[in-house]
Amino acid sequence: MKERNAAFFGLYENLFIVLKEELGEEKALEMFRRIMERGLKAAYDASSFERGNENSFVSTLKQRDESVGLRVNFPVVTKNKIIYQFLDDPFPGLKNAVDFHKLDDTYISFKVRYLLGEGWTYKTTKHIWKNDPYIEHVITKS
């Protein structure tokens, strides 16, 4: 397992802060979403994931997250429910700059939609910024 790539995540944190200062929070989130989606799409397209497959979702995310030094856990993986936990905070430098729901949505919603497809949604149930031990996204199929 690699160490968390502080320079990689720090660049994204700085980018968000500058965008927010220059354009305001709403536009910064929109731009950040587009940047994250472009980067994640390229990363996922370079892998061999099977869209809609829960086990492929887990292995693809685990491999990608660990490659940038994030420890993740998937304690539940079924046909209708996946629990995705970040044991590390990807963006600790943004804790007081933006609501975690808004920030996390810039990349989690894309991961769910792109790798699992339509009919899947997520809800953040725990977050390090609220002094929880990890960030937890409960992903369910409707």
N, C-alpha and C. Protein backbone atom coordinates (compact mmCIF):
# COMPACT_ATOMS: atom_id res chain seq x y z
N MET A 1 0.84 -1.18 0.00
CA MET A 1 0.00 0.00 0.00
C MET A 1 0.88 1.24 0.00
N LYS A 2 0.63 2.11 -0.94
CA LYS A 2 1.37 3.37 -1.01
C LYS A 2 0.92 4.32 0.09
N GLU A 3 1.81 5.24 0.43
CA GLU A 3 1.47 6.31 1.36
C GLU A 3 0.56 7.31 0.64
N ARG A 4 -0.35 7.95 1.37
CA ARG A 4 -1.25 8.94 0.78
C ARG A 4 -0.43 9.96 0.01
N ASN A 5 -0.81 10.19 -1.23
CA ASN A 5 -0.09 11.10 -2.10
C ASN A 5 -0.53 12.54 -1.78
N ALA A 6 0.13 13.13 -0.80
CA ALA A 6 -0.24 14.46 -0.32
C ALA A 6 -0.11 15.51 -1.42
N ALA A 7 0.91 15.42 -2.27
CA ALA A 7 1.08 16.40 -3.34
C ALA A 7 -0.08 16.31 -4.34
N PHE A 8 -0.49 15.11 -4.69
CA PHE A 8 -1.60 14.90 -5.62
C PHE A 8 -2.88 15.52 -5.08
N PHE A 9 -3.24 15.16 -3.84
CA PHE A 9 -4.47 15.67 -3.25
C PHE A 9 -4.35 17.16 -2.92
N GLY A 10 -3.17 17.61 -2.53
CA GLY A 10 -2.95 19.03 -2.24
C GLY A 10 -3.18 19.90 -3.47
N LEU A 11 -2.78 19.40 -4.64
CA LEU A 11 -3.03 20.14 -5.87
C LEU A 11 -4.53 20.34 -6.08
N TYR A 12 -5.31 19.29 -5.89
CA TYR A 12 -6.76 19.39 -6.02
C TYR A 12 -7.36 20.33 -4.97
N GLU A 13 -6.84 20.26 -3.75
CA GLU A 13 -7.33 21.17 -2.70
C GLU A 13 -7.06 22.63 -3.09
N ASN A 14 -5.84 22.91 -3.53
CA ASN A 14 -5.49 24.27 -3.93
C ASN A 14 -6.33 24.73 -5.12
N LEU A 15 -6.53 23.84 -6.06
CA LEU A 15 -7.35 24.16 -7.22
C LEU A 15 -8.76 24.56 -6.78
N PHE A 16 -9.36 23.78 -5.90
CA PHE A 16 -10.70 24.10 -5.43
C PHE A 16 -10.72 25.45 -4.72
N ILE A 17 -9.76 25.70 -3.85
CA ILE A 17 -9.73 26.96 -3.09
C ILE A 17 -9.61 28.16 -4.03
N VAL A 18 -8.74 28.07 -5.03
CA VAL A 18 -8.59 29.17 -5.99
C VAL A 18 -9.86 29.36 -6.80
N LEU A 19 -10.45 28.26 -7.26
CA LEU A 19 -11.71 28.36 -8.01
C LEU A 19 -12.80 29.01 -7.16
N LYS A 20 -12.87 28.64 -5.91
CA LYS A 20 -13.89 29.21 -5.01
C LYS A 20 -13.64 30.70 -4.80
N GLU A 21 -12.38 31.08 -4.60
CA GLU A 21 -12.06 32.49 -4.41
C GLU A 21 -12.39 33.32 -5.65
N GLU A 22 -12.13 32.78 -6.81
CA GLU A 22 -12.31 33.52 -8.06
C GLU A 22 -13.74 33.47 -8.60
N LEU A 23 -14.42 32.33 -8.41
CA LEU A 23 -15.71 32.12 -9.07
C LEU A 23 -16.88 31.92 -8.12
N GLY A 24 -16.61 31.75 -6.84
CA GLY A 24 -17.66 31.43 -5.88
C GLY A 24 -17.81 29.92 -5.73
N GLU A 25 -18.47 29.53 -4.64
CA GLU A 25 -18.55 28.11 -4.32
C GLU A 25 -19.31 27.28 -5.36
N GLU A 26 -20.44 27.77 -5.82
CA GLU A 26 -21.24 26.98 -6.76
C GLU A 26 -20.47 26.68 -8.04
N LYS A 27 -19.85 27.69 -8.62
CA LYS A 27 -19.08 27.49 -9.86
C LYS A 27 -17.84 26.65 -9.59
N ALA A 28 -17.21 26.85 -8.43
CA ALA A 28 -16.04 26.05 -8.06
C ALA A 28 -16.40 24.57 -7.99
N LEU A 29 -17.54 24.27 -7.38
CA LEU A 29 -17.98 22.87 -7.30
C LEU A 29 -18.27 22.30 -8.67
N GLU A 30 -18.90 23.10 -9.53
CA GLU A 30 -19.19 22.65 -10.89
C GLU A 30 -17.90 22.35 -11.65
N MET A 31 -16.94 23.24 -11.57
CA MET A 31 -15.66 23.03 -12.26
C MET A 31 -14.89 21.85 -11.66
N PHE A 32 -14.90 21.75 -10.34
CA PHE A 32 -14.21 20.66 -9.66
C PHE A 32 -14.82 19.32 -10.08
N ARG A 33 -16.13 19.28 -10.19
CA ARG A 33 -16.82 18.05 -10.64
C ARG A 33 -16.34 17.66 -12.03
N ARG A 34 -16.28 18.62 -12.92
CA ARG A 34 -15.85 18.34 -14.29
C ARG A 34 -14.40 17.85 -14.33
N ILE A 35 -13.55 18.45 -13.54
CA ILE A 35 -12.14 18.04 -13.47
C ILE A 35 -12.03 16.63 -12.91
N MET A 36 -12.75 16.37 -11.82
CA MET A 36 -12.71 15.04 -11.22
C MET A 36 -13.25 13.99 -12.19
N GLU A 37 -14.36 14.28 -12.85
CA GLU A 37 -14.94 13.31 -13.78
C GLU A 37 -13.99 13.01 -14.93
N ARG A 38 -13.33 14.02 -15.45
CA ARG A 38 -12.39 13.80 -16.55
C ARG A 38 -11.24 12.90 -16.11
N GLY A 39 -10.67 13.20 -14.95
CA GLY A 39 -9.56 12.39 -14.44
C GLY A 39 -9.96 10.98 -14.08
N LEU A 40 -11.10 10.84 -13.42
CA LEU A 40 -11.55 9.50 -13.03
C LEU A 40 -11.94 8.67 -14.24
N LYS A 41 -12.59 9.27 -15.22
CA LYS A 41 -12.97 8.54 -16.43
C LYS A 41 -11.74 7.98 -17.11
N ALA A 42 -10.71 8.80 -17.25
CA ALA A 42 -9.46 8.34 -17.88
C ALA A 42 -8.84 7.19 -17.08
N ALA A 43 -8.84 7.33 -15.77
CA ALA A 43 -8.26 6.27 -14.93
C ALA A 43 -9.06 4.98 -15.03
N TYR A 44 -10.38 5.09 -14.99
CA TYR A 44 -11.21 3.89 -15.05
C TYR A 44 -11.20 3.26 -16.44
N ASP A 45 -11.17 4.07 -17.48
CA ASP A 45 -11.13 3.54 -18.84
C ASP A 45 -9.84 2.78 -19.11
N ALA A 46 -8.78 3.10 -18.37
CA ALA A 46 -7.51 2.40 -18.52
C ALA A 46 -7.53 1.05 -17.81
N SER A 47 -8.56 0.83 -16.99
CA SER A 47 -8.69 -0.46 -16.29
C SER A 47 -9.70 -1.32 -17.05
N SER A 48 -9.88 -2.52 -16.57
CA SER A 48 -10.82 -3.42 -17.25
C SER A 48 -11.99 -3.73 -16.34
N PHE A 49 -12.81 -2.71 -16.08
CA PHE A 49 -13.97 -2.91 -15.22
C PHE A 49 -15.16 -3.36 -16.05
N GLU A 50 -16.08 -4.04 -15.39
CA GLU A 50 -17.32 -4.46 -16.02
C GLU A 50 -18.45 -3.61 -15.44
N ARG A 51 -18.98 -2.73 -16.27
CA ARG A 51 -20.01 -1.80 -15.80
C ARG A 51 -21.22 -2.57 -15.24
N GLY A 52 -21.68 -2.12 -14.06
CA GLY A 52 -22.84 -2.73 -13.44
C GLY A 52 -22.52 -3.92 -12.55
N ASN A 53 -21.27 -4.35 -12.55
CA ASN A 53 -20.88 -5.50 -11.75
C ASN A 53 -20.33 -5.01 -10.40
N GLU A 54 -20.97 -5.41 -9.32
CA GLU A 54 -20.61 -4.94 -7.99
C GLU A 54 -19.17 -5.31 -7.62
N ASN A 55 -18.75 -6.52 -7.94
CA ASN A 55 -17.40 -6.95 -7.60
C ASN A 55 -16.36 -6.21 -8.43
N SER A 56 -16.68 -5.91 -9.67
CA SER A 56 -15.79 -5.12 -10.52
C SER A 56 -15.69 -3.69 -9.98
N PHE A 57 -16.81 -3.13 -9.53
CA PHE A 57 -16.84 -1.81 -8.92
C PHE A 57 -15.86 -1.77 -7.74
N VAL A 58 -15.97 -2.74 -6.86
CA VAL A 58 -15.13 -2.80 -5.67
C VAL A 58 -13.66 -2.95 -6.05
N SER A 59 -13.32 -3.88 -6.92
CA SER A 59 -11.92 -4.10 -7.25
C SER A 59 -11.32 -2.90 -8.00
N THR A 60 -12.11 -2.27 -8.86
CA THR A 60 -11.63 -1.10 -9.60
C THR A 60 -11.36 0.07 -8.65
N LEU A 61 -12.31 0.34 -7.75
CA LEU A 61 -12.12 1.45 -6.81
C LEU A 61 -10.99 1.17 -5.84
N LYS A 62 -10.92 -0.05 -5.35
CA LYS A 62 -9.86 -0.40 -4.41
C LYS A 62 -8.48 -0.20 -5.06
N GLN A 63 -8.32 -0.68 -6.27
CA GLN A 63 -7.04 -0.54 -6.97
C GLN A 63 -6.70 0.93 -7.21
N ARG A 64 -7.67 1.70 -7.70
CA ARG A 64 -7.43 3.11 -8.01
C ARG A 64 -7.16 3.92 -6.74
N ASP A 65 -7.98 3.74 -5.71
CA ASP A 65 -7.81 4.50 -4.47
C ASP A 65 -6.47 4.17 -3.81
N GLU A 66 -6.14 2.90 -3.76
CA GLU A 66 -4.88 2.51 -3.15
C GLU A 66 -3.67 3.01 -3.94
N SER A 67 -3.83 3.18 -5.25
CA SER A 67 -2.72 3.67 -6.08
C SER A 67 -2.34 5.11 -5.74
N VAL A 68 -3.27 5.87 -5.13
CA VAL A 68 -2.96 7.23 -4.70
C VAL A 68 -2.85 7.31 -3.17
N GLY A 69 -2.75 6.17 -2.53
CA GLY A 69 -2.47 6.12 -1.10
C GLY A 69 -3.67 6.24 -0.18
N LEU A 70 -4.86 5.94 -0.69
CA LEU A 70 -6.05 5.96 0.17
C LEU A 70 -6.40 4.54 0.59
N ARG A 71 -6.58 4.36 1.88
CA ARG A 71 -7.04 3.07 2.37
C ARG A 71 -8.55 3.06 2.32
N VAL A 72 -9.11 2.01 1.70
CA VAL A 72 -10.56 1.89 1.58
C VAL A 72 -10.99 0.50 2.03
N ASN A 73 -12.26 0.41 2.37
CA ASN A 73 -12.83 -0.84 2.84
C ASN A 73 -14.23 -0.97 2.26
N PHE A 74 -14.62 -2.19 1.98
CA PHE A 74 -15.96 -2.50 1.47
C PHE A 74 -16.56 -3.61 2.32
N PRO A 75 -17.09 -3.27 3.51
CA PRO A 75 -17.58 -4.32 4.41
C PRO A 75 -18.84 -5.02 3.93
N VAL A 76 -19.60 -4.40 3.01
CA VAL A 76 -20.81 -5.04 2.47
C VAL A 76 -20.78 -4.88 0.96
N VAL A 77 -20.91 -6.01 0.26
CA VAL A 77 -21.01 -6.00 -1.20
C VAL A 77 -22.04 -7.05 -1.59
N THR A 78 -23.22 -6.56 -2.01
CA THR A 78 -24.27 -7.47 -2.49
C THR A 78 -24.79 -6.93 -3.82
N LYS A 79 -25.74 -7.60 -4.39
CA LYS A 79 -26.33 -7.17 -5.67
C LYS A 79 -27.06 -5.84 -5.55
N ASN A 80 -27.49 -5.47 -4.33
CA ASN A 80 -28.28 -4.26 -4.14
C ASN A 80 -27.69 -3.24 -3.18
N LYS A 81 -26.56 -3.58 -2.57
CA LYS A 81 -25.98 -2.67 -1.58
C LYS A 81 -24.46 -2.84 -1.49
N ILE A 82 -23.79 -1.70 -1.46
CA ILE A 82 -22.34 -1.67 -1.29
C ILE A 82 -22.04 -0.60 -0.25
N ILE A 83 -21.22 -0.94 0.71
CA ILE A 83 -20.74 0.06 1.66
C ILE A 83 -19.28 0.33 1.33
N TYR A 84 -19.01 1.61 1.02
CA TYR A 84 -17.71 2.08 0.56
C TYR A 84 -17.15 3.01 1.62
N GLN A 85 -16.07 2.59 2.28
CA GLN A 85 -15.49 3.38 3.36
C GLN A 85 -14.09 3.87 2.98
N PHE A 86 -13.86 5.16 3.23
CA PHE A 86 -12.53 5.74 3.12
C PHE A 86 -11.97 5.80 4.53
N LEU A 87 -10.88 5.10 4.77
CA LEU A 87 -10.25 5.13 6.08
C LEU A 87 -9.36 6.37 6.21
N ASP A 88 -9.07 7.01 5.08
CA ASP A 88 -8.29 8.24 5.03
C ASP A 88 -9.14 9.33 4.39
N ASP A 89 -8.92 10.55 4.81
CA ASP A 89 -9.60 11.70 4.23
C ASP A 89 -8.83 12.14 2.98
N PRO A 90 -9.44 12.07 1.80
CA PRO A 90 -8.71 12.49 0.61
C PRO A 90 -8.40 13.99 0.60
N PHE A 91 -9.26 14.80 1.20
CA PHE A 91 -9.11 16.26 1.11
C PHE A 91 -9.18 16.94 2.48
N PRO A 92 -8.27 16.63 3.39
CA PRO A 92 -8.34 17.24 4.72
C PRO A 92 -8.17 18.76 4.69
N GLY A 93 -7.48 19.28 3.68
CA GLY A 93 -7.27 20.72 3.58
C GLY A 93 -8.50 21.50 3.20
N LEU A 94 -9.58 20.82 2.86
CA LEU A 94 -10.83 21.51 2.49
C LEU A 94 -11.88 21.45 3.59
N LYS A 95 -11.50 20.90 4.74
CA LYS A 95 -12.48 20.69 5.81
C LYS A 95 -13.30 21.92 6.15
N ASN A 96 -12.72 23.07 6.23
CA ASN A 96 -13.46 24.27 6.59
C ASN A 96 -13.79 25.15 5.39
N ALA A 97 -13.56 24.63 4.20
CA ALA A 97 -13.77 25.42 2.98
C ALA A 97 -15.09 25.09 2.27
N VAL A 98 -15.65 23.92 2.54
CA VAL A 98 -16.85 23.48 1.81
C VAL A 98 -17.54 22.38 2.61
N ASP A 99 -18.85 22.26 2.44
CA ASP A 99 -19.61 21.18 3.06
C ASP A 99 -19.18 19.84 2.45
N PHE A 100 -18.94 18.85 3.28
CA PHE A 100 -18.45 17.56 2.77
C PHE A 100 -19.43 16.89 1.82
N HIS A 101 -20.72 17.07 2.02
CA HIS A 101 -21.69 16.47 1.10
C HIS A 101 -21.49 16.99 -0.33
N LYS A 102 -21.30 18.29 -0.44
CA LYS A 102 -21.11 18.91 -1.75
C LYS A 102 -19.79 18.48 -2.37
N LEU A 103 -18.73 18.44 -1.57
CA LEU A 103 -17.43 18.04 -2.10
C LEU A 103 -17.43 16.57 -2.52
N ASP A 104 -17.89 15.70 -1.64
CA ASP A 104 -17.89 14.27 -1.96
C ASP A 104 -18.72 13.96 -3.20
N ASP A 105 -19.80 14.71 -3.38
CA ASP A 105 -20.66 14.47 -4.54
C ASP A 105 -19.94 14.75 -5.86
N THR A 106 -18.89 15.58 -5.83
CA THR A 106 -18.17 15.88 -7.07
C THR A 106 -17.46 14.66 -7.64
N TYR A 107 -17.22 13.66 -6.83
CA TYR A 107 -16.57 12.46 -7.35
C TYR A 107 -17.31 11.16 -7.06
N ILE A 108 -18.01 11.05 -5.94
CA ILE A 108 -18.72 9.80 -5.62
C ILE A 108 -19.87 9.55 -6.58
N SER A 109 -20.63 10.57 -6.89
CA SER A 109 -21.77 10.37 -7.80
C SER A 109 -21.29 9.88 -9.17
N PHE A 110 -20.14 10.41 -9.62
CA PHE A 110 -19.60 9.94 -10.90
C PHE A 110 -19.16 8.49 -10.81
N LYS A 111 -18.46 8.12 -9.75
CA LYS A 111 -18.01 6.74 -9.58
C LYS A 111 -19.20 5.78 -9.64
N VAL A 112 -20.24 6.11 -8.91
CA VAL A 112 -21.43 5.25 -8.86
C VAL A 112 -22.08 5.17 -10.23
N ARG A 113 -22.32 6.31 -10.83
CA ARG A 113 -23.01 6.35 -12.13
C ARG A 113 -22.16 5.69 -13.24
N TYR A 114 -20.89 5.97 -13.28
CA TYR A 114 -20.04 5.50 -14.37
C TYR A 114 -19.72 4.01 -14.26
N LEU A 115 -19.47 3.54 -13.04
CA LEU A 115 -19.07 2.15 -12.86
C LEU A 115 -20.25 1.20 -12.63
N LEU A 116 -21.29 1.69 -11.96
CA LEU A 116 -22.43 0.82 -11.67
C LEU A 116 -23.60 1.06 -12.63
N GLY A 117 -23.81 2.29 -13.04
CA GLY A 117 -24.88 2.59 -13.99
C GLY A 117 -26.10 3.19 -13.32
N GLU A 118 -27.13 3.35 -14.11
CA GLU A 118 -28.38 3.95 -13.63
C GLU A 118 -29.04 3.05 -12.60
N GLY A 119 -29.82 3.66 -11.74
CA GLY A 119 -30.55 2.90 -10.72
C GLY A 119 -29.81 2.76 -9.41
N TRP A 120 -28.58 3.22 -9.36
CA TRP A 120 -27.80 3.18 -8.13
C TRP A 120 -27.71 4.59 -7.55
N THR A 121 -27.83 4.70 -6.25
CA THR A 121 -27.68 5.98 -5.55
C THR A 121 -26.79 5.76 -4.33
N TYR A 122 -26.36 6.86 -3.76
CA TYR A 122 -25.54 6.73 -2.54
C TYR A 122 -25.98 7.75 -1.50
N LYS A 123 -25.63 7.46 -0.27
CA LYS A 123 -25.85 8.38 0.84
C LYS A 123 -24.62 8.31 1.74
N THR A 124 -24.13 9.46 2.14
CA THR A 124 -23.00 9.50 3.06
C THR A 124 -23.54 9.40 4.48
N THR A 125 -23.12 8.35 5.19
CA THR A 125 -23.65 8.11 6.53
C THR A 125 -22.65 8.44 7.64
N LYS A 126 -21.39 8.50 7.31
CA LYS A 126 -20.36 8.86 8.29
C LYS A 126 -19.32 9.71 7.56
N HIS A 127 -18.66 10.59 8.33
CA HIS A 127 -17.61 11.40 7.71
C HIS A 127 -16.57 11.80 8.74
N ILE A 128 -15.33 11.74 8.33
CA ILE A 128 -14.20 12.11 9.19
C ILE A 128 -14.36 13.55 9.68
N TRP A 129 -14.91 14.42 8.85
CA TRP A 129 -15.08 15.82 9.24
C TRP A 129 -16.07 15.99 10.37
N LYS A 130 -16.88 14.97 10.64
CA LYS A 130 -17.82 14.99 11.77
C LYS A 130 -17.26 14.17 12.94
N ASN A 131 -15.98 13.89 12.90
CA ASN A 131 -15.29 13.09 13.92
C ASN A 131 -15.67 11.62 13.89
N ASP A 132 -16.22 11.14 12.77
CA ASP A 132 -16.42 9.71 12.60
C ASP A 132 -15.06 9.08 12.28
N PRO A 133 -14.90 7.78 12.51
CA PRO A 133 -13.60 7.14 12.28
C PRO A 133 -13.24 6.99 10.79
N TYR A 134 -14.20 7.18 9.90
CA TYR A 134 -13.98 7.03 8.46
C TYR A 134 -15.11 7.73 7.72
N ILE A 135 -14.96 7.81 6.41
CA ILE A 135 -16.01 8.33 5.54
C ILE A 135 -16.75 7.10 5.00
N GLU A 136 -18.06 7.09 5.11
CA GLU A 136 -18.83 5.93 4.66
C GLU A 136 -19.93 6.37 3.70
N HIS A 137 -19.92 5.72 2.54
CA HIS A 137 -20.98 5.93 1.55
C HIS A 137 -21.74 4.61 1.40
N VAL A 138 -23.03 4.66 1.63
CA VAL A 138 -23.87 3.49 1.45
C VAL A 138 -24.51 3.62 0.08
N ILE A 139 -24.18 2.69 -0.80
CA ILE A 139 -24.63 2.72 -2.19
C ILE A 139 -25.69 1.64 -2.35
N THR A 140 -26.85 2.04 -2.87
CA THR A 140 -27.94 1.08 -3.01
C THR A 140 -28.53 1.14 -4.42
N LYS A 141 -29.09 0.01 -4.82
CA LYS A 141 -29.77 -0.10 -6.10
C LYS A 141 -31.26 -0.03 -5.85
N SER A 142 -31.93 0.83 -6.62
CA SER A 142 -33.37 0.98 -6.42
C SER A 142 -34.16 0.04 -7.30
